[in-house]
Amino acid sequence: MTEQRKPRPKRGNVPYAPVTLPPRFVSDATGRAVEVVLSYSDYQELLRLLARHADWETLPPHLQDAIDNVLADDALAEDGTPIPLGQSLAETGEPAS
């Protein structure tokens, strides 16, 4: 029997916002696209999209860190009283370690 992993909590039902500026592609000498340049706001939106839909455990550490930073910035921008971590974990059913 395979063990089912609990999904990572999602941050609301925010629909995907289309990019504000068209991305620019950087090609190598053979014409293959090797990089994509996004505006900072589009990059943040991409990270939020990954946070909602990607399997957290399969993301590379640099993307996990980038998503953590964007979500932390979002949390700091929210109004309201902070909720203690233990209470938040109890509400989502996550075990406190």
PDB file of N, CA and C in Angstrom:
ATOM      1  N   MET A   1       0.842  -1.177   0.000  1.00  0.00           N
ATOM      2  CA  MET A   1       0.000   0.000   0.000  1.00  0.00           C
ATOM      3  C   MET A   1       0.887   1.239   0.000  1.00  0.00           C
ATOM      4  N   THR A   2       0.661   2.139  -0.918  1.00  0.00           N
ATOM      5  CA  THR A   2       1.445   3.365  -0.958  1.00  0.00           C
ATOM      6  C   THR A   2       0.843   4.391  -0.008  1.00  0.00           C
ATOM      7  N   GLU A   3       1.734   5.098   0.644  1.00  0.00           N
ATOM      8  CA  GLU A   3       1.307   6.112   1.588  1.00  0.00           C
ATOM      9  C   GLU A   3       0.916   7.378   0.826  1.00  0.00           C
ATOM     10  N   GLN A   4      -0.264   7.895   1.106  1.00  0.00           N
ATOM     11  CA  GLN A   4      -0.734   9.123   0.471  1.00  0.00           C
ATOM     12  C   GLN A   4      -0.166  10.315   1.225  1.00  0.00           C
ATOM     13  N   ARG A   5       0.419  11.256   0.509  1.00  0.00           N
ATOM     14  CA  ARG A   5       0.914  12.486   1.113  1.00  0.00           C
ATOM     15  C   ARG A   5      -0.206  13.498   1.177  1.00  0.00           C
ATOM     16  N   LYS A   6      -0.225  14.257   2.253  1.00  0.00           N
ATOM     17  CA  LYS A   6      -1.186  15.347   2.346  1.00  0.00           C
ATOM     18  C   LYS A   6      -0.751  16.446   1.395  1.00  0.00           C
ATOM     19  N   PRO A   7      -1.692  17.048   0.682  1.00  0.00           N
ATOM     20  CA  PRO A   7      -1.293  18.159  -0.189  1.00  0.00           C
ATOM     21  C   PRO A   7      -0.891  19.373   0.634  1.00  0.00           C
ATOM     22  N   ARG A   8       0.009  20.147   0.084  1.00  0.00           N
ATOM     23  CA  ARG A   8       0.425  21.385   0.738  1.00  0.00           C
ATOM     24  C   ARG A   8      -0.747  22.349   0.728  1.00  0.00           C
ATOM     25  N   PRO A   9      -1.004  23.059   1.839  1.00  0.00           N
ATOM     26  CA  PRO A   9      -2.133  23.997   1.857  1.00  0.00           C
ATOM     27  C   PRO A   9      -2.006  25.039   0.757  1.00  0.00           C
ATOM     28  N   LYS A  10      -3.098  25.331   0.108  1.00  0.00           N
ATOM     29  CA  LYS A  10      -3.122  26.308  -0.982  1.00  0.00           C
ATOM     30  C   LYS A  10      -3.518  27.676  -0.430  1.00  0.00           C
ATOM     31  N   ARG A  11      -3.113  28.709  -1.107  1.00  0.00           N
ATOM     32  CA  ARG A  11      -3.408  30.072  -0.674  1.00  0.00           C
ATOM     33  C   ARG A  11      -4.593  30.617  -1.460  1.00  0.00           C
ATOM     34  N   GLY A  12      -5.775  30.261  -1.054  1.00  0.00           N
ATOM     35  CA  GLY A  12      -6.981  30.853  -1.621  1.00  0.00           C
ATOM     36  C   GLY A  12      -7.275  30.392  -3.036  1.00  0.00           C
ATOM     37  N   ASN A  13      -8.405  30.830  -3.539  1.00  0.00           N
ATOM     38  CA  ASN A  13      -8.846  30.486  -4.886  1.00  0.00           C
ATOM     39  C   ASN A  13      -8.629  31.664  -5.824  1.00  0.00           C
ATOM     40  N   VAL A  14      -7.405  32.108  -5.910  1.00  0.00           N
ATOM     41  CA  VAL A  14      -7.086  33.241  -6.761  1.00  0.00           C
ATOM     42  C   VAL A  14      -6.857  32.727  -8.180  1.00  0.00           C
ATOM     43  N   PRO A  15      -7.633  33.234  -9.155  1.00  0.00           N
ATOM     44  CA  PRO A  15      -7.412  32.766 -10.529  1.00  0.00           C
ATOM     45  C   PRO A  15      -6.069  33.259 -11.056  1.00  0.00           C
ATOM     46  N   TYR A  16      -5.554  32.543 -12.036  1.00  0.00           N
ATOM     47  CA  TYR A  16      -4.293  32.936 -12.645  1.00  0.00           C
ATOM     48  C   TYR A  16      -4.464  34.235 -13.404  1.00  0.00           C
ATOM     49  N   ALA A  17      -3.577  35.159 -13.179  1.00  0.00           N
ATOM     50  CA  ALA A  17      -3.607  36.436 -13.891  1.00  0.00           C
ATOM     51  C   ALA A  17      -2.677  36.334 -15.095  1.00  0.00           C
ATOM     52  N   PRO A  18      -3.136  36.748 -16.266  1.00  0.00           N
ATOM     53  CA  PRO A  18      -2.247  36.694 -17.435  1.00  0.00           C
ATOM     54  C   PRO A  18      -1.047  37.615 -17.248  1.00  0.00           C
ATOM     55  N   VAL A  19       0.000  37.336 -17.985  1.00  0.00           N
ATOM     56  CA  VAL A  19       1.214  38.147 -17.874  1.00  0.00           C
ATOM     57  C   VAL A  19       0.926  39.585 -18.269  1.00  0.00           C
ATOM     58  N   THR A  20       1.602  40.511 -17.600  1.00  0.00           N
ATOM     59  CA  THR A  20       1.385  41.929 -17.882  1.00  0.00           C
ATOM     60  C   THR A  20       2.236  42.404 -19.045  1.00  0.00           C
ATOM     61  N   LEU A  21       3.412  41.816 -19.186  1.00  0.00           N
ATOM     62  CA  LEU A  21       4.302  42.147 -20.302  1.00  0.00           C
ATOM     63  C   LEU A  21       4.676  40.851 -21.000  1.00  0.00           C
ATOM     64  N   PRO A  22       4.740  40.845 -22.312  1.00  0.00           N
ATOM     65  CA  PRO A  22       5.135  39.608 -22.986  1.00  0.00           C
ATOM     66  C   PRO A  22       6.550  39.197 -22.569  1.00  0.00           C
ATOM     67  N   PRO A  23       6.756  37.913 -22.304  1.00  0.00           N
ATOM     68  CA  PRO A  23       8.105  37.475 -21.946  1.00  0.00           C
ATOM     69  C   PRO A  23       9.048  37.594 -23.140  1.00  0.00           C
ATOM     70  N   ARG A  24      10.327  37.793 -22.836  1.00  0.00           N
ATOM     71  CA  ARG A  24      11.350  37.824 -23.886  1.00  0.00           C
ATOM     72  C   ARG A  24      12.152  36.537 -23.799  1.00  0.00           C
ATOM     73  N   PHE A  25      12.456  35.983 -24.938  1.00  0.00           N
ATOM     74  CA  PHE A  25      13.203  34.736 -24.989  1.00  0.00           C
ATOM     75  C   PHE A  25      14.634  35.012 -25.396  1.00  0.00           C
ATOM     76  N   VAL A  26      15.564  34.318 -24.755  1.00  0.00           N
ATOM     77  CA  VAL A  26      16.979  34.404 -25.083  1.00  0.00           C
ATOM     78  C   VAL A  26      17.348  33.097 -25.770  1.00  0.00           C
ATOM     79  N   SER A  27      17.925  33.203 -26.944  1.00  0.00           N
ATOM     80  CA  SER A  27      18.269  32.012 -27.730  1.00  0.00           C
ATOM     81  C   SER A  27      19.772  31.808 -27.775  1.00  0.00           C
ATOM     82  N   ASP A  28      20.162  30.549 -27.956  1.00  0.00           N
ATOM     83  CA  ASP A  28      21.577  30.265 -28.139  1.00  0.00           C
ATOM     84  C   ASP A  28      21.919  30.387 -29.631  1.00  0.00           C
ATOM     85  N   ALA A  29      23.126  30.008 -30.004  1.00  0.00           N
ATOM     86  CA  ALA A  29      23.587  30.170 -31.393  1.00  0.00           C
ATOM     87  C   ALA A  29      22.785  29.331 -32.381  1.00  0.00           C
ATOM     88  N   THR A  30      22.161  28.251 -31.906  1.00  0.00           N
ATOM     89  CA  THR A  30      21.379  27.400 -32.810  1.00  0.00           C
ATOM     90  C   THR A  30      19.916  27.831 -32.909  1.00  0.00           C
ATOM     91  N   GLY A  31      19.539  28.859 -32.154  1.00  0.00           N
ATOM     92  CA  GLY A  31      18.159  29.339 -32.204  1.00  0.00           C
ATOM     93  C   GLY A  31      17.245  28.732 -31.155  1.00  0.00           C
ATOM     94  N   ARG A  32      17.794  27.833 -30.320  1.00  0.00           N
ATOM     95  CA  ARG A  32      16.996  27.247 -29.241  1.00  0.00           C
ATOM     96  C   ARG A  32      16.803  28.251 -28.122  1.00  0.00           C
ATOM     97  N   ALA A  33      15.583  28.347 -27.586  1.00  0.00           N
ATOM     98  CA  ALA A  33      15.330  29.223 -26.441  1.00  0.00           C
ATOM     99  C   ALA A  33      15.989  28.605 -25.210  1.00  0.00           C
ATOM    100  N   VAL A  34      16.843  29.375 -24.544  1.00  0.00           N
ATOM    101  CA  VAL A  34      17.558  28.873 -23.372  1.00  0.00           C
ATOM    102  C   VAL A  34      17.196  29.636 -22.104  1.00  0.00           C
ATOM    103  N   GLU A  35      16.544  30.787 -22.243  1.00  0.00           N
ATOM    104  CA  GLU A  35      16.123  31.589 -21.098  1.00  0.00           C
ATOM    105  C   GLU A  35      14.848  32.326 -21.458  1.00  0.00           C
ATOM    106  N   VAL A  36      14.086  32.664 -20.414  1.00  0.00           N
ATOM    107  CA  VAL A  36      12.905  33.505 -20.575  1.00  0.00           C
ATOM    108  C   VAL A  36      13.040  34.646 -19.588  1.00  0.00           C
ATOM    109  N   VAL A  37      12.854  35.863 -20.057  1.00  0.00           N
ATOM    110  CA  VAL A  37      12.948  37.041 -19.204  1.00  0.00           C
ATOM    111  C   VAL A  37      11.530  37.529 -18.932  1.00  0.00           C
ATOM    112  N   LEU A  38      11.165  37.582 -17.632  1.00  0.00           N
ATOM    113  CA  LEU A  38       9.842  38.031 -17.207  1.00  0.00           C
ATOM    114  C   LEU A  38       9.968  39.317 -16.416  1.00  0.00           C
ATOM    115  N   SER A  39       8.889  40.084 -16.382  1.00  0.00           N
ATOM    116  CA  SER A  39       8.872  41.221 -15.472  1.00  0.00           C
ATOM    117  C   SER A  39       8.801  40.673 -14.048  1.00  0.00           C
ATOM    118  N   TYR A  40       9.170  41.488 -13.074  1.00  0.00           N
ATOM    119  CA  TYR A  40       9.183  41.009 -11.688  1.00  0.00           C
ATOM    120  C   TYR A  40       7.784  40.607 -11.225  1.00  0.00           C
ATOM    121  N   SER A  41       6.778  41.372 -11.601  1.00  0.00           N
ATOM    122  CA  SER A  41       5.408  41.031 -11.178  1.00  0.00           C
ATOM    123  C   SER A  41       4.954  39.720 -11.831  1.00  0.00           C
ATOM    124  N   ASP A  42       5.330  39.482 -13.072  1.00  0.00           N
ATOM    125  CA  ASP A  42       4.990  38.213 -13.721  1.00  0.00           C
ATOM    126  C   ASP A  42       5.743  37.047 -13.082  1.00  0.00           C
ATOM    127  N   TYR A  43       6.982  37.279 -12.684  1.00  0.00           N
ATOM    128  CA  TYR A  43       7.769  36.254 -11.996  1.00  0.00           C
ATOM    129  C   TYR A  43       7.104  35.888 -10.667  1.00  0.00           C
ATOM    130  N   GLN A  44       6.645  36.908  -9.924  1.00  0.00           N
ATOM    131  CA  GLN A  44       5.953  36.645  -8.661  1.00  0.00           C
ATOM    132  C   GLN A  44       4.670  35.850  -8.903  1.00  0.00           C
ATOM    133  N   GLU A  45       3.930  36.203  -9.944  1.00  0.00           N
ATOM    134  CA  GLU A  45       2.690  35.487 -10.257  1.00  0.00           C
ATOM    135  C   GLU A  45       2.984  34.039 -10.643  1.00  0.00           C
ATOM    136  N   LEU A  46       4.055  33.816 -11.387  1.00  0.00           N
ATOM    137  CA  LEU A  46       4.464  32.455 -11.744  1.00  0.00           C
ATOM    138  C   LEU A  46       4.784  31.647 -10.485  1.00  0.00           C
ATOM    139  N   LEU A  47       5.474  32.258  -9.527  1.00  0.00           N
ATOM    140  CA  LEU A  47       5.800  31.561  -8.282  1.00  0.00           C
ATOM    141  C   LEU A  47       4.538  31.247  -7.483  1.00  0.00           C
ATOM    142  N   ARG A  48       3.574  32.169  -7.465  1.00  0.00           N
ATOM    143  CA  ARG A  48       2.301  31.903  -6.777  1.00  0.00           C
ATOM    144  C   ARG A  48       1.563  30.744  -7.449  1.00  0.00           C
ATOM    145  N   LEU A  49       1.609  30.704  -8.767  1.00  0.00           N
ATOM    146  CA  LEU A  49       0.979  29.619  -9.519  1.00  0.00           C
ATOM    147  C   LEU A  49       1.648  28.281  -9.174  1.00  0.00           C
ATOM    148  N   LEU A  50       2.966  28.267  -9.111  1.00  0.00           N
ATOM    149  CA  LEU A  50       3.686  27.054  -8.715  1.00  0.00           C
ATOM    150  C   LEU A  50       3.315  26.632  -7.295  1.00  0.00           C
ATOM    151  N   ALA A  51       3.177  27.598  -6.393  1.00  0.00           N
ATOM    152  CA  ALA A  51       2.830  27.287  -5.006  1.00  0.00           C
ATOM    153  C   ALA A  51       1.470  26.605  -4.920  1.00  0.00           C
ATOM    154  N   ARG A  52       0.546  26.998  -5.789  1.00  0.00           N
ATOM    155  CA  ARG A  52      -0.801  26.422  -5.759  1.00  0.00           C
ATOM    156  C   ARG A  52      -0.875  25.053  -6.421  1.00  0.00           C
ATOM    157  N   HIS A  53      -0.061  24.806  -7.442  1.00  0.00           N
ATOM    158  CA  HIS A  53      -0.293  23.623  -8.259  1.00  0.00           C
ATOM    159  C   HIS A  53       0.860  22.616  -8.325  1.00  0.00           C
ATOM    160  N   ALA A  54       2.063  22.993  -7.967  1.00  0.00           N
ATOM    161  CA  ALA A  54       3.204  22.076  -8.101  1.00  0.00           C
ATOM    162  C   ALA A  54       3.338  21.205  -6.856  1.00  0.00           C
ATOM    163  N   ASP A  55       3.934  20.044  -7.033  1.00  0.00           N
ATOM    164  CA  ASP A  55       4.261  19.174  -5.908  1.00  0.00           C
ATOM    165  C   ASP A  55       5.495  19.757  -5.228  1.00  0.00           C
ATOM    166  N   TRP A  56       5.306  20.235  -4.027  1.00  0.00           N
ATOM    167  CA  TRP A  56       6.350  20.946  -3.293  1.00  0.00           C
ATOM    168  C   TRP A  56       7.619  20.114  -3.169  1.00  0.00           C
ATOM    169  N   GLU A  57       7.474  18.827  -2.928  1.00  0.00           N
ATOM    170  CA  GLU A  57       8.628  17.961  -2.703  1.00  0.00           C
ATOM    171  C   GLU A  57       9.482  17.778  -3.954  1.00  0.00           C
ATOM    172  N   THR A  58       8.918  17.995  -5.134  1.00  0.00           N
ATOM    173  CA  THR A  58       9.690  17.793  -6.360  1.00  0.00           C
ATOM    174  C   THR A  58      10.331  19.081  -6.871  1.00  0.00           C
ATOM    175  N   LEU A  59       9.985  20.215  -6.266  1.00  0.00           N
ATOM    176  CA  LEU A  59      10.582  21.488  -6.703  1.00  0.00           C
ATOM    177  C   LEU A  59      12.023  21.585  -6.222  1.00  0.00           C
ATOM    178  N   PRO A  60      12.910  22.148  -7.041  1.00  0.00           N
ATOM    179  CA  PRO A  60      14.292  22.339  -6.587  1.00  0.00           C
ATOM    180  C   PRO A  60      14.338  23.368  -5.455  1.00  0.00           C
ATOM    181  N   PRO A  61      15.346  23.262  -4.590  1.00  0.00           N
ATOM    182  CA  PRO A  61      15.432  24.160  -3.432  1.00  0.00           C
ATOM    183  C   PRO A  61      15.385  25.646  -3.783  1.00  0.00           C
ATOM    184  N   HIS A  62      15.979  26.056  -4.915  1.00  0.00           N
ATOM    185  CA  HIS A  62      15.970  27.487  -5.237  1.00  0.00           C
ATOM    186  C   HIS A  62      14.545  27.969  -5.534  1.00  0.00           C
ATOM    187  N   LEU A  63      13.699  27.113  -6.130  1.00  0.00           N
ATOM    188  CA  LEU A  63      12.306  27.508  -6.362  1.00  0.00           C
ATOM    189  C   LEU A  63      11.507  27.499  -5.067  1.00  0.00           C
ATOM    190  N   GLN A  64      11.780  26.543  -4.184  1.00  0.00           N
ATOM    191  CA  GLN A  64      11.115  26.535  -2.885  1.00  0.00           C
ATOM    192  C   GLN A  64      11.428  27.813  -2.119  1.00  0.00           C
ATOM    193  N   ASP A  65      12.693  28.232  -2.140  1.00  0.00           N
ATOM    194  CA  ASP A  65      13.091  29.469  -1.459  1.00  0.00           C
ATOM    195  C   ASP A  65      12.410  30.687  -2.080  1.00  0.00           C
ATOM    196  N   ALA A  66      12.363  30.736  -3.405  1.00  0.00           N
ATOM    197  CA  ALA A  66      11.742  31.873  -4.084  1.00  0.00           C
ATOM    198  C   ALA A  66      10.247  31.942  -3.755  1.00  0.00           C
ATOM    199  N   ILE A  67       9.578  30.790  -3.744  1.00  0.00           N
ATOM    200  CA  ILE A  67       8.152  30.764  -3.410  1.00  0.00           C
ATOM    201  C   ILE A  67       7.951  31.181  -1.956  1.00  0.00           C
ATOM    202  N   ASP A  68       8.786  30.684  -1.054  1.00  0.00           N
ATOM    203  CA  ASP A  68       8.693  31.081   0.354  1.00  0.00           C
ATOM    204  C   ASP A  68       8.815  32.592   0.500  1.00  0.00           C
ATOM    205  N   ASN A  69       9.748  33.199  -0.232  1.00  0.00           N
ATOM    206  CA  ASN A  69       9.930  34.652  -0.143  1.00  0.00           C
ATOM    207  C   ASN A  69       8.715  35.410  -0.656  1.00  0.00           C
ATOM    208  N   VAL A  70       8.132  34.962  -1.762  1.00  0.00           N
ATOM    209  CA  VAL A  70       6.947  35.641  -2.306  1.00  0.00           C
ATOM    210  C   VAL A  70       5.767  35.492  -1.353  1.00  0.00           C
ATOM    211  N   LEU A  71       5.569  34.284  -0.818  1.00  0.00           N
ATOM    212  CA  LEU A  71       4.453  34.078   0.106  1.00  0.00           C
ATOM    213  C   LEU A  71       4.661  34.842   1.409  1.00  0.00           C
ATOM    214  N   ALA A  72       5.902  34.973   1.860  1.00  0.00           N
ATOM    215  CA  ALA A  72       6.187  35.774   3.056  1.00  0.00           C
ATOM    216  C   ALA A  72       5.884  37.243   2.794  1.00  0.00           C
ATOM    217  N   ASP A  73       6.257  37.744   1.622  1.00  0.00           N
ATOM    218  CA  ASP A  73       5.929  39.126   1.266  1.00  0.00           C
ATOM    219  C   ASP A  73       4.420  39.333   1.219  1.00  0.00           C
ATOM    220  N   ASP A  74       3.693  38.345   0.661  1.00  0.00           N
ATOM    221  CA  ASP A  74       2.234  38.429   0.619  1.00  0.00           C
ATOM    222  C   ASP A  74       1.651  38.462   2.028  1.00  0.00           C
ATOM    223  N   ALA A  75       2.199  37.633   2.917  1.00  0.00           N
ATOM    224  CA  ALA A  75       1.699  37.584   4.297  1.00  0.00           C
ATOM    225  C   ALA A  75       1.952  38.902   5.014  1.00  0.00           C
ATOM    226  N   LEU A  76       3.111  39.507   4.785  1.00  0.00           N
ATOM    227  CA  LEU A  76       3.413  40.790   5.417  1.00  0.00           C
ATOM    228  C   LEU A  76       2.495  41.898   4.906  1.00  0.00           C
ATOM    229  N   ALA A  77       2.053  41.779   3.668  1.00  0.00           N
ATOM    230  CA  ALA A  77       1.191  42.798   3.075  1.00  0.00           C
ATOM    231  C   ALA A  77      -0.270  42.656   3.518  1.00  0.00           C
ATOM    232  N   GLU A  78      -0.628  41.502   4.091  1.00  0.00           N
ATOM    233  CA  GLU A  78      -2.012  41.285   4.520  1.00  0.00           C
ATOM    234  C   GLU A  78      -2.313  42.087   5.774  1.00  0.00           C
ATOM    235  N   ASP A  79      -3.561  42.509   5.865  1.00  0.00           N
ATOM    236  CA  ASP A  79      -4.021  43.176   7.077  1.00  0.00           C
ATOM    237  C   ASP A  79      -4.525  42.125   8.052  1.00  0.00           C
ATOM    238  N   GLY A  80      -4.659  42.507   9.300  1.00  0.00           N
ATOM    239  CA  GLY A  80      -5.233  41.605  10.287  1.00  0.00           C
ATOM    240  C   GLY A  80      -4.233  41.204  11.344  1.00  0.00           C
ATOM    241  N   THR A  81      -4.736  40.458  12.303  1.00  0.00           N
ATOM    242  CA  THR A  81      -3.933  40.003  13.423  1.00  0.00           C
ATOM    243  C   THR A  81      -3.234  38.697  13.055  1.00  0.00           C
ATOM    244  N   PRO A  82      -1.950  38.585  13.350  1.00  0.00           N
ATOM    245  CA  PRO A  82      -1.245  37.333  13.066  1.00  0.00           C
ATOM    246  C   PRO A  82      -1.835  36.180  13.881  1.00  0.00           C
ATOM    247  N   ILE A  83      -1.826  34.988  13.294  1.00  0.00           N
ATOM    248  CA  ILE A  83      -2.317  33.790  13.971  1.00  0.00           C
ATOM    249  C   ILE A  83      -1.100  32.964  14.378  1.00  0.00           C
ATOM    250  N   PRO A  84      -1.058  32.485  15.632  1.00  0.00           N
ATOM    251  CA  PRO A  84       0.067  31.645  16.041  1.00  0.00           C
ATOM    252  C   PRO A  84       0.170  30.391  15.167  1.00  0.00           C
ATOM    253  N   LEU A  85       1.378  29.935  14.912  1.00  0.00           N
ATOM    254  CA  LEU A  85       1.611  28.794  14.048  1.00  0.00           C
ATOM    255  C   LEU A  85       0.867  27.553  14.533  1.00  0.00           C
ATOM    256  N   GLY A  86       0.900  27.292  15.825  1.00  0.00           N
ATOM    257  CA  GLY A  86       0.221  26.117  16.369  1.00  0.00           C
ATOM    258  C   GLY A  86      -1.267  26.126  16.079  1.00  0.00           C
ATOM    259  N   GLN A  87      -1.882  27.286  16.198  1.00  0.00           N
ATOM    260  CA  GLN A  87      -3.319  27.406  15.892  1.00  0.00           C
ATOM    261  C   GLN A  87      -3.590  27.191  14.415  1.00  0.00           C
ATOM    262  N   SER A  88      -2.754  27.752  13.579  1.00  0.00           N
ATOM    263  CA  SER A  88      -2.918  27.576  12.133  1.00  0.00           C
ATOM    264  C   SER A  88      -2.771  26.108  11.728  1.00  0.00           C
ATOM    265  N   LEU A  89      -1.770  25.421  12.294  1.00  0.00           N
ATOM    266  CA  LEU A  89      -1.574  24.006  11.992  1.00  0.00           C
ATOM    267  C   LEU A  89      -2.747  23.168  12.481  1.00  0.00           C
ATOM    268  N   ALA A  90      -3.287  23.517  13.653  1.00  0.00           N
ATOM    269  CA  ALA A  90      -4.438  22.779  14.183  1.00  0.00           C
ATOM    270  C   ALA A  90      -5.643  22.941  13.270  1.00  0.00           C
ATOM    271  N   GLU A  91      -5.833  24.132  12.702  1.00  0.00           N
ATOM    272  CA  GLU A  91      -6.971  24.390  11.808  1.00  0.00           C
ATOM    273  C   GLU A  91      -6.849  23.624  10.507  1.00  0.00           C
ATOM    274  N   THR A  92      -5.630  23.400  10.021  1.00  0.00           N
ATOM    275  CA  THR A  92      -5.441  22.676   8.766  1.00  0.00           C
ATOM    276  C   THR A  92      -5.280  21.180   8.980  1.00  0.00           C
ATOM    277  N   GLY A  93      -5.152  20.758  10.238  1.00  0.00           N
ATOM    278  CA  GLY A  93      -4.997  19.345  10.530  1.00  0.00           C
ATOM    279  C   GLY A  93      -3.568  18.852  10.415  1.00  0.00           C
ATOM    280  N   GLU A  94      -2.621  19.755  10.236  1.00  0.00           N
ATOM    281  CA  GLU A  94      -1.212  19.374  10.147  1.00  0.00           C
ATOM    282  C   GLU A  94      -0.675  19.091  11.549  1.00  0.00           C
ATOM    283  N   PRO A  95       0.168  18.085  11.691  1.00  0.00           N
ATOM    284  CA  PRO A  95       0.760  17.826  13.018  1.00  0.00           C
ATOM    285  C   PRO A  95       1.816  18.865  13.347  1.00  0.00           C
ATOM    286  N   ALA A  96       1.843  19.304  14.582  1.00  0.00           N
ATOM    287  CA  ALA A  96       2.882  20.233  15.035  1.00  0.00           C
ATOM    288  C   ALA A  96       4.104  19.420  15.440  1.00  0.00           C
ATOM    289  N   SER A  97       5.280  19.807  14.948  1.00  0.00           N
ATOM    290  CA  SER A  97       6.476  19.027  15.275  1.00  0.00           C
ATOM    291  C   SER A  97       7.372  19.776  16.203  1.00  0.00           C
TER     292      SER A  97
END
